[in-house]
Structure formats: C-alpha cells, structure tokens
Amino acid sequence: KMKAAALRGALSDRARNDRVHVVDALVSGDKPSTKAALAALVS
C-alpha cells in the first residue's frame, strides 16, 4: 500500500505539470524504427 500510494503521488505530480501523455502508438507499421519512435517522442 505504501508503494502504491507513492506511485500515485509521483504520477499526480507529473500530471499536474502536463507531463503525462497517452498515445495511440509510437511506431506505425510492423517493423521497428528507432528514428520514427524518437521523432514521435520529440513531437
């Protein structure tokens, strides 16, 4: 319960500063692409 409460507190801190993001996917297609994934994160 302490671990869960601490995790909720850390996520709440990030969420209040708009630092929590939910994306559909970071890579499109069926092949890995580091360049595409990093470009998605930078955006």
PDB file of all heavy atoms in Angstrom:
ATOM      1  N   LYS A   1       0.832  -1.207   0.000  1.00  0.00           N
ATOM      2  CA  LYS A   1       0.000   0.000   0.000  1.00  0.00           C
ATOM      3  C   LYS A   1       0.869   1.261   0.000  1.00  0.00           C
ATOM      4  O   LYS A   1       0.498   2.278  -0.597  1.00  0.00           O
ATOM      5  CB  LYS A   1      -0.934  -0.004   1.210  1.00  0.00           C
ATOM      6  CG  LYS A   1      -2.038  -1.043   1.119  1.00  0.00           C
ATOM      7  CD  LYS A   1      -2.996  -0.936   2.283  1.00  0.00           C
ATOM      8  CE  LYS A   1      -4.133  -1.946   2.160  1.00  0.00           C
ATOM      9  NZ  LYS A   1      -5.094  -1.836   3.278  1.00  0.00           N
ATOM     10  N   MET A   2       2.013   1.200   0.658  1.00  0.00           N
ATOM     11  CA  MET A   2       2.920   2.343   0.641  1.00  0.00           C
ATOM     12  C   MET A   2       3.486   2.558  -0.766  1.00  0.00           C
ATOM     13  O   MET A   2       3.583   3.692  -1.253  1.00  0.00           O
ATOM     14  CB  MET A   2       4.052   2.136   1.645  1.00  0.00           C
ATOM     15  CG  MET A   2       3.635   2.239   3.093  1.00  0.00           C
ATOM     16  SD  MET A   2       4.990   1.920   4.231  1.00  0.00           S
ATOM     17  CE  MET A   2       6.170   3.173   3.748  1.00  0.00           C
ATOM     18  N   LYS A   3       3.881   1.465  -1.426  1.00  0.00           N
ATOM     19  CA  LYS A   3       4.396   1.585  -2.798  1.00  0.00           C
ATOM     20  C   LYS A   3       3.335   2.163  -3.733  1.00  0.00           C
ATOM     21  O   LYS A   3       3.627   3.034  -4.561  1.00  0.00           O
ATOM     22  CB  LYS A   3       4.841   0.210  -3.296  1.00  0.00           C
ATOM     23  CG  LYS A   3       6.029  -0.382  -2.560  1.00  0.00           C
ATOM     24  CD  LYS A   3       6.359  -1.752  -3.127  1.00  0.00           C
ATOM     25  CE  LYS A   3       7.493  -2.407  -2.375  1.00  0.00           C
ATOM     26  NZ  LYS A   3       7.803  -3.764  -2.887  1.00  0.00           N
ATOM     27  N   ALA A   4       2.108   1.677  -3.601  1.00  0.00           N
ATOM     28  CA  ALA A   4       1.033   2.153  -4.465  1.00  0.00           C
ATOM     29  C   ALA A   4       0.743   3.630  -4.210  1.00  0.00           C
ATOM     30  O   ALA A   4       0.537   4.413  -5.159  1.00  0.00           O
ATOM     31  CB  ALA A   4      -0.226   1.317  -4.244  1.00  0.00           C
ATOM     32  N   ALA A   5       0.736   4.042  -2.942  1.00  0.00           N
ATOM     33  CA  ALA A   5       0.466   5.441  -2.617  1.00  0.00           C
ATOM     34  C   ALA A   5       1.583   6.349  -3.133  1.00  0.00           C
ATOM     35  O   ALA A   5       1.329   7.448  -3.640  1.00  0.00           O
ATOM     36  CB  ALA A   5       0.298   5.608  -1.113  1.00  0.00           C
ATOM     37  N   ALA A   6       2.828   5.903  -3.018  1.00  0.00           N
ATOM     38  CA  ALA A   6       3.949   6.699  -3.521  1.00  0.00           C
ATOM     39  C   ALA A   6       3.887   6.830  -5.041  1.00  0.00           C
ATOM     40  O   ALA A   6       4.159   7.907  -5.594  1.00  0.00           O
ATOM     41  CB  ALA A   6       5.272   6.062  -3.091  1.00  0.00           C
ATOM     42  N   LEU A   7       3.531   5.751  -5.736  1.00  0.00           N
ATOM     43  CA  LEU A   7       3.416   5.812  -7.196  1.00  0.00           C
ATOM     44  C   LEU A   7       2.309   6.763  -7.616  1.00  0.00           C
ATOM     45  O   LEU A   7       2.480   7.557  -8.563  1.00  0.00           O
ATOM     46  CB  LEU A   7       3.161   4.406  -7.743  1.00  0.00           C
ATOM     47  CG  LEU A   7       2.951   4.298  -9.255  1.00  0.00           C
ATOM     48  CD1 LEU A   7       4.150   4.850 -10.015  1.00  0.00           C
ATOM     49  CD2 LEU A   7       2.681   2.845  -9.662  1.00  0.00           C
ATOM     50  N   ARG A   8       1.177   6.729  -6.930  1.00  0.00           N
ATOM     51  CA  ARG A   8       0.092   7.660  -7.253  1.00  0.00           C
ATOM     52  C   ARG A   8       0.528   9.108  -7.042  1.00  0.00           C
ATOM     53  O   ARG A   8       0.197  10.002  -7.826  1.00  0.00           O
ATOM     54  CB  ARG A   8      -1.146   7.342  -6.411  1.00  0.00           C
ATOM     55  CG  ARG A   8      -1.838   6.045  -6.794  1.00  0.00           C
ATOM     56  CD  ARG A   8      -3.233   5.986  -6.193  1.00  0.00           C
ATOM     57  NE  ARG A   8      -3.179   6.032  -4.738  1.00  0.00           N
ATOM     58  CZ  ARG A   8      -3.096   4.964  -3.957  1.00  0.00           C
ATOM     59  NH1 ARG A   8      -3.054   3.757  -4.497  1.00  0.00           N
ATOM     60  NH2 ARG A   8      -3.060   5.084  -2.644  1.00  0.00           N
ATOM     61  N   GLY A   9       1.302   9.345  -5.976  1.00  0.00           N
ATOM     62  CA  GLY A   9       1.786  10.699  -5.723  1.00  0.00           C
ATOM     63  C   GLY A   9       2.737  11.175  -6.803  1.00  0.00           C
ATOM     64  O   GLY A   9       2.668  12.332  -7.243  1.00  0.00           O
ATOM     65  N   ALA A  10       3.649  10.297  -7.249  1.00  0.00           N
ATOM     66  CA  ALA A  10       4.597  10.675  -8.306  1.00  0.00           C
ATOM     67  C   ALA A  10       3.868  10.941  -9.624  1.00  0.00           C
ATOM     68  O   ALA A  10       4.169  11.913 -10.332  1.00  0.00           O
ATOM     69  CB  ALA A  10       5.637   9.574  -8.476  1.00  0.00           C
ATOM     70  N   LEU A  11       2.914  10.095  -9.970  1.00  0.00           N
ATOM     71  CA  LEU A  11       2.149  10.306 -11.203  1.00  0.00           C
ATOM     72  C   LEU A  11       1.302  11.581 -11.128  1.00  0.00           C
ATOM     73  O   LEU A  11       1.149  12.303 -12.127  1.00  0.00           O
ATOM     74  CB  LEU A  11       1.259   9.097 -11.476  1.00  0.00           C
ATOM     75  CG  LEU A  11       1.972   7.812 -11.914  1.00  0.00           C
ATOM     76  CD1 LEU A  11       1.001   6.649 -11.953  1.00  0.00           C
ATOM     77  CD2 LEU A  11       2.625   8.001 -13.278  1.00  0.00           C
ATOM     78  N   SER A  12       0.774  11.874  -9.948  1.00  0.00           N
ATOM     79  CA  SER A  12      -0.023  13.089  -9.787  1.00  0.00           C
ATOM     80  C   SER A  12       0.839  14.330  -9.986  1.00  0.00           C
ATOM     81  O   SER A  12       0.403  15.315 -10.592  1.00  0.00           O
ATOM     82  CB  SER A  12      -0.670  13.117  -8.393  1.00  0.00           C
ATOM     83  OG  SER A  12      -1.562  12.029  -8.236  1.00  0.00           O
ATOM     84  N   ASP A  13       2.075  14.282  -9.476  1.00  0.00           N
ATOM     85  CA  ASP A  13       2.981  15.410  -9.671  1.00  0.00           C
ATOM     86  C   ASP A  13       3.268  15.635 -11.152  1.00  0.00           C
ATOM     87  O   ASP A  13       3.277  16.772 -11.639  1.00  0.00           O
ATOM     88  CB  ASP A  13       4.282  15.161  -8.911  1.00  0.00           C
ATOM     89  CG  ASP A  13       5.300  16.261  -9.141  1.00  0.00           C
ATOM     90  OD1 ASP A  13       5.122  17.352  -8.577  1.00  0.00           O
ATOM     91  OD2 ASP A  13       6.271  16.028  -9.897  1.00  0.00           O
ATOM     92  N   ARG A  14       3.508  14.559 -11.892  1.00  0.00           N
ATOM     93  CA  ARG A  14       3.763  14.690 -13.322  1.00  0.00           C
ATOM     94  C   ARG A  14       2.510  15.151 -14.076  1.00  0.00           C
ATOM     95  O   ARG A  14       2.583  15.971 -14.992  1.00  0.00           O
ATOM     96  CB  ARG A  14       4.254  13.356 -13.891  1.00  0.00           C
ATOM     97  CG  ARG A  14       5.637  12.946 -13.399  1.00  0.00           C
ATOM     98  CD  ARG A  14       6.683  13.927 -13.890  1.00  0.00           C
ATOM     99  NE  ARG A  14       8.028  13.548 -13.498  1.00  0.00           N
ATOM    100  CZ  ARG A  14       8.669  14.043 -12.449  1.00  0.00           C
ATOM    101  NH1 ARG A  14       8.069  14.961 -11.678  1.00  0.00           N
ATOM    102  NH2 ARG A  14       9.892  13.666 -12.166  1.00  0.00           N
ATOM    103  N   ALA A  15       1.353  14.643 -13.675  1.00  0.00           N
ATOM    104  CA  ALA A  15       0.120  15.004 -14.377  1.00  0.00           C
ATOM    105  C   ALA A  15      -0.233  16.467 -14.167  1.00  0.00           C
ATOM    106  O   ALA A  15      -0.732  17.137 -15.091  1.00  0.00           O
ATOM    107  CB  ALA A  15      -1.027  14.116 -13.910  1.00  0.00           C
ATOM    108  N   ARG A  16       0.022  17.003 -12.969  1.00  0.00           N
ATOM    109  CA  ARG A  16      -0.298  18.415 -12.714  1.00  0.00           C
ATOM    110  C   ARG A  16       0.554  19.357 -13.551  1.00  0.00           C
ATOM    111  O   ARG A  16       0.185  20.512 -13.755  1.00  0.00           O
ATOM    112  CB  ARG A  16      -0.115  18.723 -11.233  1.00  0.00           C
ATOM    113  CG  ARG A  16      -1.161  18.065 -10.332  1.00  0.00           C
ATOM    114  CD  ARG A  16      -1.109  18.598  -8.926  1.00  0.00           C
ATOM    115  NE  ARG A  16      -2.035  17.878  -8.072  1.00  0.00           N
ATOM    116  CZ  ARG A  16      -1.668  16.937  -7.197  1.00  0.00           C
ATOM    117  NH1 ARG A  16      -0.385  16.624  -7.058  1.00  0.00           N
ATOM    118  NH2 ARG A  16      -2.566  16.319  -6.460  1.00  0.00           N
ATOM    119  N   ASN A  17       1.700  18.882 -13.999  1.00  0.00           N
ATOM    120  CA  ASN A  17       2.572  19.699 -14.834  1.00  0.00           C
ATOM    121  C   ASN A  17       2.506  19.299 -16.311  1.00  0.00           C
ATOM    122  O   ASN A  17       3.417  19.600 -17.084  1.00  0.00           O
ATOM    123  CB  ASN A  17       4.017  19.569 -14.332  1.00  0.00           C
ATOM    124  CG  ASN A  17       4.197  20.187 -12.954  1.00  0.00           C
ATOM    125  OD1 ASN A  17       4.303  21.391 -12.811  1.00  0.00           O
ATOM    126  ND2 ASN A  17       4.211  19.346 -11.925  1.00  0.00           N
ATOM    127  N   ASP A  18       1.421  18.604 -16.675  1.00  0.00           N
ATOM    128  CA  ASP A  18       1.193  18.181 -18.074  1.00  0.00           C
ATOM    129  C   ASP A  18       2.353  17.355 -18.605  1.00  0.00           C
ATOM    130  O   ASP A  18       2.800  17.534 -19.750  1.00  0.00           O
ATOM    131  CB  ASP A  18       0.964  19.401 -18.975  1.00  0.00           C
ATOM    132  CG  ASP A  18      -0.294  20.169 -18.581  1.00  0.00           C
ATOM    133  OD1 ASP A  18      -1.267  19.515 -18.169  1.00  0.00           O
ATOM    134  OD2 ASP A  18      -0.272  21.405 -18.673  1.00  0.00           O
ATOM    135  N   ARG A  19       2.831  16.436 -17.790  1.00  0.00           N
ATOM    136  CA  ARG A  19       3.949  15.591 -18.208  1.00  0.00           C
ATOM    137  C   ARG A  19       3.556  14.122 -18.322  1.00  0.00           C
ATOM    138  O   ARG A  19       4.416  13.245 -18.376  1.00  0.00           O
ATOM    139  CB  ARG A  19       5.113  15.734 -17.222  1.00  0.00           C
ATOM    140  CG  ARG A  19       5.710  17.135 -17.204  1.00  0.00           C
ATOM    141  CD  ARG A  19       7.000  17.192 -16.431  1.00  0.00           C
ATOM    142  NE  ARG A  19       7.596  18.522 -16.479  1.00  0.00           N
ATOM    143  CZ  ARG A  19       8.840  18.790 -16.092  1.00  0.00           C
ATOM    144  NH1 ARG A  19       9.614  17.817 -15.637  1.00  0.00           N
ATOM    145  NH2 ARG A  19       9.316  20.020 -16.158  1.00  0.00           N
ATOM    146  N   VAL A  20       2.272  13.852 -18.357  1.00  0.00           N
ATOM    147  CA  VAL A  20       1.766  12.501 -18.600  1.00  0.00           C
ATOM    148  C   VAL A  20       1.062  12.509 -19.950  1.00  0.00           C
ATOM    149  O   VAL A  20       0.146  13.316 -20.179  1.00  0.00           O
ATOM    150  CB  VAL A  20       0.808  12.038 -17.488  1.00  0.00           C
ATOM    151  CG1 VAL A  20       0.207  10.679 -17.828  1.00  0.00           C
ATOM    152  CG2 VAL A  20       1.537  11.959 -16.149  1.00  0.00           C
ATOM    153  N   HIS A  21       1.496  11.634 -20.845  1.00  0.00           N
ATOM    154  CA  HIS A  21       0.946  11.591 -22.203  1.00  0.00           C
ATOM    155  C   HIS A  21       0.459  10.174 -22.508  1.00  0.00           C
ATOM    156  O   HIS A  21       1.084   9.195 -22.093  1.00  0.00           O
ATOM    157  CB  HIS A  21       2.009  11.992 -23.229  1.00  0.00           C
ATOM    158  CG  HIS A  21       2.777  13.225 -22.859  1.00  0.00           C
ATOM    159  ND1 HIS A  21       2.338  14.496 -23.127  1.00  0.00           N
ATOM    160  CD2 HIS A  21       3.969  13.372 -22.215  1.00  0.00           C
ATOM    161  CE1 HIS A  21       3.209  15.373 -22.689  1.00  0.00           C
ATOM    162  NE2 HIS A  21       4.222  14.721 -22.122  1.00  0.00           N
ATOM    163  N   VAL A  22      -0.633  10.097 -23.237  1.00  0.00           N
ATOM    164  CA  VAL A  22      -1.165   8.816 -23.699  1.00  0.00           C
ATOM    165  C   VAL A  22      -1.221   8.882 -25.227  1.00  0.00           C
ATOM    166  O   VAL A  22      -1.832   9.804 -25.792  1.00  0.00           O
ATOM    167  CB  VAL A  22      -2.564   8.526 -23.126  1.00  0.00           C
ATOM    168  CG1 VAL A  22      -3.068   7.173 -23.612  1.00  0.00           C
ATOM    169  CG2 VAL A  22      -2.533   8.557 -21.604  1.00  0.00           C
ATOM    170  N   VAL A  23      -0.564   7.936 -25.886  1.00  0.00           N
ATOM    171  CA  VAL A  23      -0.507   7.938 -27.350  1.00  0.00           C
ATOM    172  C   VAL A  23      -1.094   6.638 -27.886  1.00  0.00           C
ATOM    173  O   VAL A  23      -1.113   5.620 -27.191  1.00  0.00           O
ATOM    174  CB  VAL A  23       0.951   8.102 -27.849  1.00  0.00           C
ATOM    175  CG1 VAL A  23       1.534   9.412 -27.370  1.00  0.00           C
ATOM    176  CG2 VAL A  23       1.814   6.927 -27.403  1.00  0.00           C
ATOM    177  N   ASP A  24      -1.559   6.717 -29.098  1.00  0.00           N
ATOM    178  CA  ASP A  24      -2.103   5.525 -29.738  1.00  0.00           C
ATOM    179  C   ASP A  24      -0.986   4.527 -30.023  1.00  0.00           C
ATOM    180  O   ASP A  24      -1.105   3.337 -29.753  1.00  0.00           O
ATOM    181  CB  ASP A  24      -2.830   5.918 -31.026  1.00  0.00           C
ATOM    182  CG  ASP A  24      -3.609   4.757 -31.616  1.00  0.00           C
ATOM    183  OD1 ASP A  24      -4.162   3.971 -30.825  1.00  0.00           O
ATOM    184  OD2 ASP A  24      -3.643   4.629 -32.848  1.00  0.00           O
ATOM    185  N   ALA A  25       0.123   5.010 -30.569  1.00  0.00           N
ATOM    186  CA  ALA A  25       1.297   4.180 -30.852  1.00  0.00           C
ATOM    187  C   ALA A  25       2.463   5.108 -31.158  1.00  0.00           C
ATOM    188  O   ALA A  25       2.271   6.249 -31.611  1.00  0.00           O
ATOM    189  CB  ALA A  25       1.044   3.227 -32.012  1.00  0.00           C
ATOM    190  N   LEU A  26       3.660   4.641 -30.911  1.00  0.00           N
ATOM    191  CA  LEU A  26       4.856   5.420 -31.219  1.00  0.00           C
ATOM    192  C   LEU A  26       5.480   5.020 -32.550  1.00  0.00           C
ATOM    193  O   LEU A  26       6.272   5.774 -33.119  1.00  0.00           O
ATOM    194  CB  LEU A  26       5.889   5.251 -30.099  1.00  0.00           C
ATOM    195  CG  LEU A  26       5.525   5.907 -28.758  1.00  0.00           C
ATOM    196  CD1 LEU A  26       6.517   5.507 -27.687  1.00  0.00           C
ATOM    197  CD2 LEU A  26       5.474   7.429 -28.895  1.00  0.00           C
ATOM    198  N   VAL A  27       5.149   3.834 -33.026  1.00  0.00           N
ATOM    199  CA  VAL A  27       5.697   3.333 -34.289  1.00  0.00           C
ATOM    200  C   VAL A  27       4.546   2.787 -35.113  1.00  0.00           C
ATOM    201  O   VAL A  27       3.725   2.010 -34.610  1.00  0.00           O
ATOM    202  CB  VAL A  27       6.750   2.235 -34.044  1.00  0.00           C
ATOM    203  CG1 VAL A  27       7.317   1.749 -35.366  1.00  0.00           C
ATOM    204  CG2 VAL A  27       7.870   2.739 -33.149  1.00  0.00           C
ATOM    205  N   SER A  28       4.477   3.182 -36.357  1.00  0.00           N
ATOM    206  CA  SER A  28       3.459   2.648 -37.254  1.00  0.00           C
ATOM    207  C   SER A  28       4.075   1.552 -38.121  1.00  0.00           C
ATOM    208  O   SER A  28       5.284   1.553 -38.379  1.00  0.00           O
ATOM    209  CB  SER A  28       2.891   3.763 -38.147  1.00  0.00           C
ATOM    210  OG  SER A  28       3.920   4.353 -38.919  1.00  0.00           O
ATOM    211  N   GLY A  29       3.267   0.645 -38.547  1.00  0.00           N
ATOM    212  CA  GLY A  29       3.776  -0.451 -39.368  1.00  0.00           C
ATOM    213  C   GLY A  29       4.176  -1.639 -38.513  1.00  0.00           C
ATOM    214  O   GLY A  29       3.981  -1.670 -37.292  1.00  0.00           O
ATOM    215  N   ASP A  30       4.780  -2.620 -39.181  1.00  0.00           N
ATOM    216  CA  ASP A  30       5.139  -3.857 -38.496  1.00  0.00           C
ATOM    217  C   ASP A  30       6.649  -4.044 -38.385  1.00  0.00           C
ATOM    218  O   ASP A  30       7.125  -5.144 -38.109  1.00  0.00           O
ATOM    219  CB  ASP A  30       4.515  -5.061 -39.224  1.00  0.00           C
ATOM    220  CG  ASP A  30       4.915  -5.098 -40.695  1.00  0.00           C
ATOM    221  OD1 ASP A  30       5.591  -4.162 -41.160  1.00  0.00           O
ATOM    222  OD2 ASP A  30       4.524  -6.071 -41.379  1.00  0.00           O
ATOM    223  N   LYS A  31       7.413  -2.954 -38.601  1.00  0.00           N
ATOM    224  CA  LYS A  31       8.859  -3.028 -38.480  1.00  0.00           C
ATOM    225  C   LYS A  31       9.340  -2.011 -37.450  1.00  0.00           C
ATOM    226  O   LYS A  31       8.841  -0.883 -37.400  1.00  0.00           O
ATOM    227  CB  LYS A  31       9.539  -2.761 -39.829  1.00  0.00           C
ATOM    228  CG  LYS A  31       9.347  -3.868 -40.846  1.00  0.00           C
ATOM    229  CD  LYS A  31      10.160  -3.570 -42.106  1.00  0.00           C
ATOM    230  CE  LYS A  31       9.998  -4.698 -43.120  1.00  0.00           C
ATOM    231  NZ  LYS A  31      10.794  -4.431 -44.354  1.00  0.00           N
ATOM    232  N   PRO A  32      10.330  -2.374 -36.630  1.00  0.00           N
ATOM    233  CA  PRO A  32      10.871  -1.416 -35.648  1.00  0.00           C
ATOM    234  C   PRO A  32      11.556  -0.249 -36.346  1.00  0.00           C
ATOM    235  O   PRO A  32      12.178  -0.404 -37.396  1.00  0.00           O
ATOM    236  CB  PRO A  32      11.863  -2.253 -34.845  1.00  0.00           C
ATOM    237  CG  PRO A  32      11.512  -3.671 -35.118  1.00  0.00           C
ATOM    238  CD  PRO A  32      10.931  -3.709 -36.488  1.00  0.00           C
ATOM    239  N   SER A  33      11.457   0.927 -35.738  1.00  0.00           N
ATOM    240  CA  SER A  33      12.121   2.118 -36.276  1.00  0.00           C
ATOM    241  C   SER A  33      12.455   3.051 -35.122  1.00  0.00           C
ATOM    242  O   SER A  33      11.565   3.714 -34.575  1.00  0.00           O
ATOM    243  CB  SER A  33      11.233   2.830 -37.300  1.00  0.00           C
ATOM    244  OG  SER A  33      11.839   4.046 -37.705  1.00  0.00           O
ATOM    245  N   THR A  34      13.729   3.093 -34.763  1.00  0.00           N
ATOM    246  CA  THR A  34      14.159   3.973 -33.685  1.00  0.00           C
ATOM    247  C   THR A  34      13.980   5.438 -34.073  1.00  0.00           C
ATOM    248  O   THR A  34      13.557   6.268 -33.261  1.00  0.00           O
ATOM    249  CB  THR A  34      15.629   3.703 -33.332  1.00  0.00           C
ATOM    250  OG1 THR A  34      15.765   2.335 -32.951  1.00  0.00           O
ATOM    251  CG2 THR A  34      16.093   4.595 -32.202  1.00  0.00           C
ATOM    252  N   LYS A  35      14.288   5.759 -35.311  1.00  0.00           N
ATOM    253  CA  LYS A  35      14.152   7.140 -35.784  1.00  0.00           C
ATOM    254  C   LYS A  35      12.712   7.614 -35.679  1.00  0.00           C
ATOM    255  O   LYS A  35      12.434   8.726 -35.195  1.00  0.00           O
ATOM    256  CB  LYS A  35      14.642   7.233 -37.228  1.00  0.00           C
ATOM    257  CG  LYS A  35      14.574   8.625 -37.814  1.00  0.00           C
ATOM    258  CD  LYS A  35      15.116   8.643 -39.234  1.00  0.00           C
ATOM    259  CE  LYS A  35      15.036  10.040 -39.837  1.00  0.00           C
ATOM    260  NZ  LYS A  35      15.567  10.076 -41.227  1.00  0.00           N
ATOM    261  N   ALA A  36      11.767   6.801 -36.101  1.00  0.00           N
ATOM    262  CA  ALA A  36      10.357   7.188 -36.056  1.00  0.00           C
ATOM    263  C   ALA A  36       9.860   7.295 -34.616  1.00  0.00           C
ATOM    264  O   ALA A  36       9.103   8.216 -34.275  1.00  0.00           O
ATOM    265  CB  ALA A  36       9.520   6.180 -36.833  1.00  0.00           C
ATOM    266  N   ALA A  37      10.288   6.371 -33.757  1.00  0.00           N
ATOM    267  CA  ALA A  37       9.839   6.396 -32.368  1.00  0.00           C
ATOM    268  C   ALA A  37      10.360   7.629 -31.646  1.00  0.00           C
ATOM    269  O   ALA A  37       9.625   8.288 -30.895  1.00  0.00           O
ATOM    270  CB  ALA A  37      10.291   5.125 -31.661  1.00  0.00           C
ATOM    271  N   LEU A  38      11.641   7.982 -31.864  1.00  0.00           N
ATOM    272  CA  LEU A  38      12.206   9.168 -31.226  1.00  0.00           C
ATOM    273  C   LEU A  38      11.556  10.442 -31.765  1.00  0.00           C
ATOM    274  O   LEU A  38      11.321  11.395 -31.013  1.00  0.00           O
ATOM    275  CB  LEU A  38      13.717   9.209 -31.440  1.00  0.00           C
ATOM    276  CG  LEU A  38      14.527   8.171 -30.657  1.00  0.00           C
ATOM    277  CD1 LEU A  38      16.009   8.277 -30.992  1.00  0.00           C
ATOM    278  CD2 LEU A  38      14.309   8.339 -29.153  1.00  0.00           C
ATOM    279  N   ALA A  39      11.280  10.470 -33.049  1.00  0.00           N
ATOM    280  CA  ALA A  39      10.597  11.635 -33.623  1.00  0.00           C
ATOM    281  C   ALA A  39       9.215  11.802 -33.013  1.00  0.00           C
ATOM    282  O   ALA A  39       8.760  12.936 -32.764  1.00  0.00           O
ATOM    283  CB  ALA A  39      10.505  11.488 -35.138  1.00  0.00           C
ATOM    284  N   ALA A  40       8.540  10.710 -32.743  1.00  0.00           N
ATOM    285  CA  ALA A  40       7.219  10.782 -32.120  1.00  0.00           C
ATOM    286  C   ALA A  40       7.319  11.330 -30.698  1.00  0.00           C
ATOM    287  O   ALA A  40       6.493  12.146 -30.274  1.00  0.00           O
ATOM    288  CB  ALA A  40       6.578   9.399 -32.123  1.00  0.00           C
ATOM    289  N   LEU A  41       8.340  10.922 -29.955  1.00  0.00           N
ATOM    290  CA  LEU A  41       8.515  11.421 -28.595  1.00  0.00           C
ATOM    291  C   LEU A  41       8.873  12.904 -28.591  1.00  0.00           C
ATOM    292  O   LEU A  41       8.377  13.675 -27.759  1.00  0.00           O
ATOM    293  CB  LEU A  41       9.605  10.612 -27.879  1.00  0.00           C
ATOM    294  CG  LEU A  41       9.256   9.161 -27.543  1.00  0.00           C
ATOM    295  CD1 LEU A  41      10.473   8.444 -26.968  1.00  0.00           C
ATOM    296  CD2 LEU A  41       8.095   9.099 -26.552  1.00  0.00           C
ATOM    297  N   VAL A  42       9.727  13.323 -29.516  1.00  0.00           N
ATOM    298  CA  VAL A  42      10.119  14.735 -29.592  1.00  0.00           C
ATOM    299  C   VAL A  42       8.918  15.618 -29.916  1.00  0.00           C
ATOM    300  O   VAL A  42       8.826  16.766 -29.453  1.00  0.00           O
ATOM    301  CB  VAL A  42      11.238  14.917 -30.639  1.00  0.00           C
ATOM    302  CG1 VAL A  42      11.502  16.391 -30.903  1.00  0.00           C
ATOM    303  CG2 VAL A  42      12.519  14.239 -30.163  1.00  0.00           C
ATOM    304  N   SER A  43       7.974  15.100 -30.683  1.00  0.00           N
ATOM    305  CA  SER A  43       6.786  15.889 -31.018  1.00  0.00           C
ATOM    306  C   SER A  43       5.862  16.091 -29.817  1.00  0.00           C
ATOM    307  O   SER A  43       5.014  16.982 -29.829  1.00  0.00           O
ATOM    308  CB  SER A  43       6.015  15.213 -32.151  1.00  0.00           C
ATOM    309  OG  SER A  43       5.439  13.985 -31.711  1.00  0.00           O
TER     310      SER A  43
END
